[in-house]
Each structure stands twice: as structure tokens, then as C-alpha cells.
Amino acid sequence: TRIEGRLHRPDETSAAELAALLHPTPAVCGSPRDPAAEMIHALEGYDRGFYAGAVGWTNAFGDGAWYVSLRCAETCGDQARLYAGAGIVEGSDPAAEADETSGKFQAVLRALGVDEASV
């Protein structure tokens, strides 16, 4: 969902500061944020790495754009670790979210030149 607005004091808040305040989003972490993050860490049992992280840019004026990484890959030589997922919110359909996640994995596999049938 695209959200737009105007800052009350734009010269006092950079895009990077806003990204830090908004990260992680409730869709990938839950709410309230801190207890949800602790529960996710305990249940998943692994570090998400760059998955669901903020990816973007900021210029010298503090302007920028930031996005949530819902698919990514860490590569080292001929090996890669892939991450993909979907934001779960009230009313989410688990089967649809699983299909969305599968599609994201397929896109990363294609980008890496991997035959999906061999995985």
C-alpha cells in the first residue's frame, strides 16, 4: 500500500530516519513490534539476514526512497541462500500467501539462472 504525506519539519527528518522508525513493518513483524519480533525469532530459529529489511537510498539532502525486501538472495561462489515471504495481515489467506511466496522464490531462481524443476 502506498502511503503519502507531508512532514511537519522536513528539514529535521531524513528518509533514512523515517525508514528506521517504520522498520520492521507490522506485516513482516507483527504488533506490538518488540514482543512480536521476539516471538518470530524464537519460532523461526534462524536469522532473517536481509529478508524483510529496508532497502533504499538517501541523498545529501536527506531525501530518499525505501522499500521492504520480501525476496532476496545471499550468494557466495556457486551457493546461494534465498529468502522470500509475504506480509501476513488480518484477513490474509494462507494458501494465497504461500502461492505468493512460491512465486517470489521462482523469480529469484530465474534471476540466478536456476532451473526451477531441479530444485
N, C-alpha and C. Protein backbone atom coordinates (compact mmCIF):
# COMPACT_ATOMS: atom_id res chain seq x y z
N THR A 1 0.84 -1.18 0.00
CA THR A 1 0.00 0.00 0.00
C THR A 1 0.88 1.23 0.00
N ARG A 2 0.61 2.11 -0.90
CA ARG A 2 1.38 3.35 -0.97
C ARG A 2 0.75 4.36 -0.01
N ILE A 3 1.57 4.96 0.83
CA ILE A 3 1.13 5.97 1.78
C ILE A 3 1.92 7.24 1.50
N GLU A 4 1.24 8.34 1.37
CA GLU A 4 1.91 9.62 1.13
C GLU A 4 1.49 10.61 2.20
N GLY A 5 2.36 11.55 2.48
CA GLY A 5 2.05 12.60 3.45
C GLY A 5 3.10 13.69 3.41
N ARG A 6 2.93 14.67 4.24
CA ARG A 6 3.89 15.77 4.34
C ARG A 6 4.43 15.82 5.76
N LEU A 7 5.73 16.00 5.86
CA LEU A 7 6.38 16.11 7.16
C LEU A 7 6.18 17.52 7.72
N HIS A 8 5.97 17.59 9.02
CA HIS A 8 5.83 18.91 9.65
C HIS A 8 7.15 19.67 9.63
N ARG A 9 8.25 18.96 9.81
CA ARG A 9 9.58 19.58 9.81
C ARG A 9 10.50 18.79 8.88
N PRO A 10 10.32 18.93 7.56
CA PRO A 10 11.09 18.10 6.62
C PRO A 10 12.59 18.30 6.71
N ASP A 11 13.04 19.46 7.15
CA ASP A 11 14.48 19.70 7.25
C ASP A 11 15.09 19.07 8.50
N GLU A 12 14.25 18.47 9.36
CA GLU A 12 14.75 17.86 10.59
C GLU A 12 14.69 16.33 10.56
N THR A 13 14.06 15.75 9.54
CA THR A 13 13.90 14.30 9.48
C THR A 13 14.30 13.80 8.10
N SER A 14 15.27 12.88 8.07
CA SER A 14 15.73 12.34 6.78
C SER A 14 14.92 11.09 6.41
N ALA A 15 15.02 10.71 5.16
CA ALA A 15 14.36 9.49 4.69
C ALA A 15 14.89 8.28 5.44
N ALA A 16 16.18 8.26 5.76
CA ALA A 16 16.76 7.14 6.49
C ALA A 16 16.18 7.06 7.90
N GLU A 17 15.97 8.21 8.55
CA GLU A 17 15.37 8.21 9.88
C GLU A 17 13.93 7.70 9.84
N LEU A 18 13.19 8.11 8.82
CA LEU A 18 11.82 7.62 8.68
C LEU A 18 11.80 6.11 8.45
N ALA A 19 12.70 5.62 7.61
CA ALA A 19 12.76 4.18 7.35
C ALA A 19 13.05 3.42 8.65
N ALA A 20 13.96 3.95 9.46
CA ALA A 20 14.30 3.30 10.73
C ALA A 20 13.10 3.28 11.68
N LEU A 21 12.32 4.36 11.68
CA LEU A 21 11.14 4.42 12.55
C LEU A 21 10.05 3.44 12.11
N LEU A 22 9.94 3.21 10.81
CA LEU A 22 8.89 2.36 10.27
C LEU A 22 9.28 0.89 10.18
N HIS A 23 10.56 0.58 10.37
CA HIS A 23 11.06 -0.78 10.20
C HIS A 23 11.14 -1.50 11.54
N PRO A 24 10.79 -2.75 11.62
CA PRO A 24 10.13 -3.54 10.59
C PRO A 24 8.64 -3.23 10.55
N THR A 25 8.05 -3.42 9.40
CA THR A 25 6.62 -3.14 9.26
C THR A 25 5.80 -4.20 10.00
N PRO A 26 4.60 -3.86 10.43
CA PRO A 26 3.75 -4.85 11.10
C PRO A 26 3.47 -6.07 10.22
N ALA A 27 3.45 -5.90 8.90
CA ALA A 27 3.15 -7.03 8.01
C ALA A 27 4.22 -8.11 8.05
N VAL A 28 5.46 -7.75 8.36
CA VAL A 28 6.53 -8.76 8.40
C VAL A 28 7.02 -9.02 9.82
N CYS A 29 6.52 -8.25 10.79
CA CYS A 29 6.97 -8.44 12.17
C CYS A 29 5.82 -8.67 13.14
N GLY A 30 4.74 -7.95 12.95
CA GLY A 30 3.63 -8.06 13.88
C GLY A 30 3.55 -6.83 14.77
N SER A 31 2.59 -6.87 15.66
CA SER A 31 2.37 -5.74 16.55
C SER A 31 1.79 -6.27 17.86
N PRO A 32 2.25 -5.77 18.99
CA PRO A 32 3.30 -4.77 19.16
C PRO A 32 4.66 -5.31 18.73
N ARG A 33 5.46 -4.41 18.18
CA ARG A 33 6.69 -4.77 17.47
C ARG A 33 7.67 -5.60 18.30
N ASP A 34 8.06 -5.13 19.47
CA ASP A 34 9.11 -5.83 20.22
C ASP A 34 8.72 -7.25 20.64
N PRO A 35 7.55 -7.46 21.26
CA PRO A 35 7.18 -8.85 21.59
C PRO A 35 7.01 -9.72 20.35
N ALA A 36 6.47 -9.15 19.28
CA ALA A 36 6.29 -9.92 18.05
C ALA A 36 7.64 -10.34 17.48
N ALA A 37 8.61 -9.42 17.48
CA ALA A 37 9.95 -9.74 16.96
C ALA A 37 10.60 -10.84 17.78
N GLU A 38 10.43 -10.80 19.10
CA GLU A 38 10.99 -11.85 19.96
C GLU A 38 10.35 -13.20 19.65
N MET A 39 9.04 -13.21 19.45
CA MET A 39 8.34 -14.46 19.15
C MET A 39 8.78 -15.02 17.80
N ILE A 40 8.90 -14.16 16.79
CA ILE A 40 9.34 -14.61 15.47
C ILE A 40 10.73 -15.22 15.56
N HIS A 41 11.63 -14.55 16.28
CA HIS A 41 13.00 -15.07 16.41
C HIS A 41 12.99 -16.44 17.08
N ALA A 42 12.17 -16.61 18.12
CA ALA A 42 12.11 -17.89 18.83
C ALA A 42 11.50 -18.99 17.95
N LEU A 43 10.46 -18.66 17.19
CA LEU A 43 9.77 -19.67 16.39
C LEU A 43 10.50 -20.03 15.10
N GLU A 44 11.11 -19.04 14.44
CA GLU A 44 11.77 -19.32 13.17
C GLU A 44 13.10 -20.03 13.38
N GLY A 45 13.81 -19.71 14.41
CA GLY A 45 15.06 -20.39 14.71
C GLY A 45 16.23 -20.05 13.78
N TYR A 46 16.12 -18.99 13.00
CA TYR A 46 17.25 -18.57 12.15
C TYR A 46 17.19 -17.05 11.97
N ASP A 47 18.32 -16.50 11.60
CA ASP A 47 18.41 -15.06 11.36
C ASP A 47 17.86 -14.76 9.98
N ARG A 48 16.98 -13.80 9.87
CA ARG A 48 16.40 -13.44 8.57
C ARG A 48 17.39 -12.76 7.64
N GLY A 49 18.53 -12.36 8.14
CA GLY A 49 19.50 -11.69 7.28
C GLY A 49 18.90 -10.44 6.67
N PHE A 50 19.00 -10.32 5.35
CA PHE A 50 18.46 -9.15 4.66
C PHE A 50 16.96 -9.26 4.41
N TYR A 51 16.38 -10.44 4.61
CA TYR A 51 14.96 -10.61 4.34
C TYR A 51 14.14 -9.66 5.21
N ALA A 52 13.20 -8.99 4.60
CA ALA A 52 12.28 -8.05 5.25
C ALA A 52 13.00 -6.79 5.73
N GLY A 53 14.23 -6.62 5.28
CA GLY A 53 14.97 -5.41 5.64
C GLY A 53 14.59 -4.24 4.76
N ALA A 54 15.02 -3.07 5.18
CA ALA A 54 14.78 -1.86 4.40
C ALA A 54 15.89 -1.70 3.37
N VAL A 55 15.51 -1.56 2.12
CA VAL A 55 16.46 -1.38 1.02
C VAL A 55 16.13 -0.06 0.35
N GLY A 56 17.11 0.80 0.22
CA GLY A 56 16.81 2.09 -0.40
C GLY A 56 18.02 2.99 -0.50
N TRP A 57 17.75 4.27 -0.63
CA TRP A 57 18.81 5.25 -0.81
C TRP A 57 18.43 6.55 -0.11
N THR A 58 19.45 7.31 0.25
CA THR A 58 19.28 8.65 0.79
C THR A 58 20.35 9.52 0.17
N ASN A 59 19.98 10.74 -0.25
CA ASN A 59 20.98 11.64 -0.82
C ASN A 59 21.47 12.64 0.24
N ALA A 60 22.34 13.54 -0.16
CA ALA A 60 22.94 14.50 0.77
C ALA A 60 21.91 15.44 1.39
N PHE A 61 20.75 15.58 0.77
CA PHE A 61 19.71 16.45 1.29
C PHE A 61 18.76 15.74 2.25
N GLY A 62 18.96 14.42 2.43
CA GLY A 62 18.10 13.64 3.31
C GLY A 62 16.90 13.04 2.61
N ASP A 63 16.76 13.32 1.30
CA ASP A 63 15.66 12.73 0.53
C ASP A 63 16.01 11.28 0.20
N GLY A 64 15.02 10.47 -0.06
CA GLY A 64 15.30 9.09 -0.42
C GLY A 64 14.04 8.29 -0.63
N ALA A 65 14.25 7.03 -0.88
CA ALA A 65 13.15 6.08 -1.06
C ALA A 65 13.58 4.76 -0.45
N TRP A 66 12.67 4.12 0.27
CA TRP A 66 12.97 2.86 0.95
C TRP A 66 11.86 1.86 0.70
N TYR A 67 12.24 0.59 0.58
CA TYR A 67 11.31 -0.49 0.29
C TYR A 67 11.60 -1.66 1.21
N VAL A 68 10.63 -2.54 1.39
CA VAL A 68 10.81 -3.74 2.20
C VAL A 68 11.21 -4.88 1.27
N SER A 69 12.31 -5.56 1.61
CA SER A 69 12.83 -6.65 0.80
C SER A 69 12.10 -7.95 1.15
N LEU A 70 11.10 -8.30 0.33
CA LEU A 70 10.35 -9.54 0.57
C LEU A 70 10.87 -10.70 -0.27
N ARG A 71 11.94 -10.48 -0.99
CA ARG A 71 12.66 -11.56 -1.67
C ARG A 71 14.11 -11.11 -1.82
N CYS A 72 15.03 -11.99 -1.53
CA CYS A 72 16.44 -11.64 -1.67
C CYS A 72 17.26 -12.93 -1.69
N ALA A 73 18.53 -12.78 -2.02
CA ALA A 73 19.45 -13.91 -2.05
C ALA A 73 20.81 -13.46 -1.54
N GLU A 74 21.43 -14.31 -0.77
CA GLU A 74 22.82 -14.11 -0.37
C GLU A 74 23.63 -15.13 -1.15
N THR A 75 24.62 -14.68 -1.89
CA THR A 75 25.40 -15.60 -2.72
C THR A 75 26.85 -15.62 -2.27
N CYS A 76 27.46 -16.78 -2.44
CA CYS A 76 28.88 -16.96 -2.16
C CYS A 76 29.36 -18.06 -3.11
N GLY A 77 30.13 -17.65 -4.11
CA GLY A 77 30.60 -18.61 -5.09
C GLY A 77 29.44 -19.23 -5.83
N ASP A 78 29.36 -20.57 -5.80
CA ASP A 78 28.28 -21.25 -6.51
C ASP A 78 27.10 -21.61 -5.60
N GLN A 79 27.06 -21.01 -4.42
CA GLN A 79 25.97 -21.29 -3.49
C GLN A 79 25.16 -20.02 -3.24
N ALA A 80 23.88 -20.21 -2.97
CA ALA A 80 23.00 -19.08 -2.66
C ALA A 80 22.00 -19.51 -1.60
N ARG A 81 21.70 -18.60 -0.72
CA ARG A 81 20.64 -18.79 0.27
C ARG A 81 19.54 -17.80 -0.09
N LEU A 82 18.35 -18.32 -0.36
CA LEU A 82 17.23 -17.49 -0.80
C LEU A 82 16.27 -17.24 0.34
N TYR A 83 15.70 -16.06 0.34
CA TYR A 83 14.67 -15.69 1.30
C TYR A 83 13.49 -15.12 0.54
N ALA A 84 12.30 -15.49 0.92
CA ALA A 84 11.09 -14.92 0.32
C ALA A 84 9.96 -15.09 1.31
N GLY A 85 9.00 -14.24 1.20
CA GLY A 85 7.85 -14.33 2.09
C GLY A 85 6.78 -13.35 1.68
N ALA A 86 5.76 -13.31 2.47
CA ALA A 86 4.64 -12.41 2.22
C ALA A 86 4.23 -11.78 3.54
N GLY A 87 3.68 -10.60 3.44
CA GLY A 87 3.19 -9.93 4.64
C GLY A 87 1.88 -10.56 5.08
N ILE A 88 1.80 -10.94 6.33
CA ILE A 88 0.59 -11.56 6.87
C ILE A 88 -0.15 -10.50 7.68
N VAL A 89 -1.36 -10.23 7.29
CA VAL A 89 -2.19 -9.26 7.99
C VAL A 89 -3.56 -9.89 8.25
N GLU A 90 -4.38 -9.23 9.04
CA GLU A 90 -5.72 -9.73 9.31
C GLU A 90 -6.45 -9.96 7.99
N GLY A 91 -7.03 -11.13 7.86
CA GLY A 91 -7.77 -11.45 6.64
C GLY A 91 -6.92 -12.12 5.57
N SER A 92 -5.61 -12.30 5.82
CA SER A 92 -4.76 -12.97 4.83
C SER A 92 -5.23 -14.40 4.61
N ASP A 93 -5.14 -14.86 3.38
CA ASP A 93 -5.48 -16.23 3.02
C ASP A 93 -4.17 -17.03 2.98
N PRO A 94 -3.97 -17.98 3.90
CA PRO A 94 -2.71 -18.72 3.94
C PRO A 94 -2.31 -19.35 2.61
N ALA A 95 -3.25 -19.93 1.88
CA ALA A 95 -2.92 -20.56 0.60
C ALA A 95 -2.46 -19.51 -0.41
N ALA A 96 -3.11 -18.37 -0.44
CA ALA A 96 -2.71 -17.30 -1.36
C ALA A 96 -1.34 -16.75 -0.98
N GLU A 97 -1.07 -16.63 0.31
CA GLU A 97 0.24 -16.14 0.76
C GLU A 97 1.33 -17.15 0.40
N ALA A 98 1.04 -18.45 0.53
CA ALA A 98 2.01 -19.49 0.15
C ALA A 98 2.28 -19.43 -1.35
N ASP A 99 1.25 -19.23 -2.16
CA ASP A 99 1.43 -19.10 -3.61
C ASP A 99 2.27 -17.87 -3.94
N GLU A 100 2.00 -16.76 -3.25
CA GLU A 100 2.77 -15.54 -3.48
C GLU A 100 4.24 -15.76 -3.14
N THR A 101 4.50 -16.43 -2.02
CA THR A 101 5.88 -16.70 -1.61
C THR A 101 6.57 -17.61 -2.62
N SER A 102 5.87 -18.62 -3.11
CA SER A 102 6.43 -19.51 -4.13
C SER A 102 6.79 -18.73 -5.38
N GLY A 103 5.92 -17.83 -5.80
CA GLY A 103 6.21 -17.01 -6.98
C GLY A 103 7.44 -16.14 -6.79
N LYS A 104 7.62 -15.64 -5.58
CA LYS A 104 8.81 -14.82 -5.30
C LYS A 104 10.07 -15.68 -5.37
N PHE A 105 10.02 -16.90 -4.82
CA PHE A 105 11.17 -17.79 -4.94
C PHE A 105 11.47 -18.09 -6.40
N GLN A 106 10.44 -18.36 -7.19
CA GLN A 106 10.65 -18.66 -8.61
C GLN A 106 11.32 -17.50 -9.33
N ALA A 107 10.93 -16.27 -9.00
CA ALA A 107 11.54 -15.10 -9.64
C ALA A 107 13.02 -15.01 -9.31
N VAL A 108 13.39 -15.29 -8.06
CA VAL A 108 14.80 -15.24 -7.66
C VAL A 108 15.57 -16.37 -8.34
N LEU A 109 14.99 -17.57 -8.38
CA LEU A 109 15.65 -18.69 -9.06
C LEU A 109 15.92 -18.37 -10.52
N ARG A 110 14.92 -17.80 -11.21
CA ARG A 110 15.11 -17.42 -12.62
C ARG A 110 16.21 -16.37 -12.75
N ALA A 111 16.23 -15.40 -11.85
CA ALA A 111 17.26 -14.35 -11.90
C ALA A 111 18.66 -14.95 -11.73
N LEU A 112 18.75 -16.03 -10.97
CA LEU A 112 20.04 -16.70 -10.76
C LEU A 112 20.34 -17.73 -11.84
N GLY A 113 19.41 -17.93 -12.77
CA GLY A 113 19.62 -18.89 -13.85
C GLY A 113 19.46 -20.33 -13.42
N VAL A 114 18.68 -20.57 -12.37
CA VAL A 114 18.48 -21.92 -11.85
C VAL A 114 17.21 -22.51 -12.46
N ASP A 115 17.31 -23.76 -12.93
CA ASP A 115 16.15 -24.47 -13.45
C ASP A 115 15.27 -24.84 -12.26
N GLU A 116 14.08 -24.28 -12.22
CA GLU A 116 13.18 -24.49 -11.08
C GLU A 116 12.84 -25.96 -10.88
N ALA A 117 12.81 -26.74 -11.94
CA ALA A 117 12.47 -28.16 -11.83
C ALA A 117 13.56 -28.94 -11.09
N SER A 118 14.78 -28.42 -11.05
CA SER A 118 15.88 -29.14 -10.41
C SER A 118 15.98 -28.85 -8.92
N VAL A 119 15.11 -27.98 -8.43
CA VAL A 119 15.18 -27.60 -7.01
C VAL A 119 14.18 -28.38 -6.21
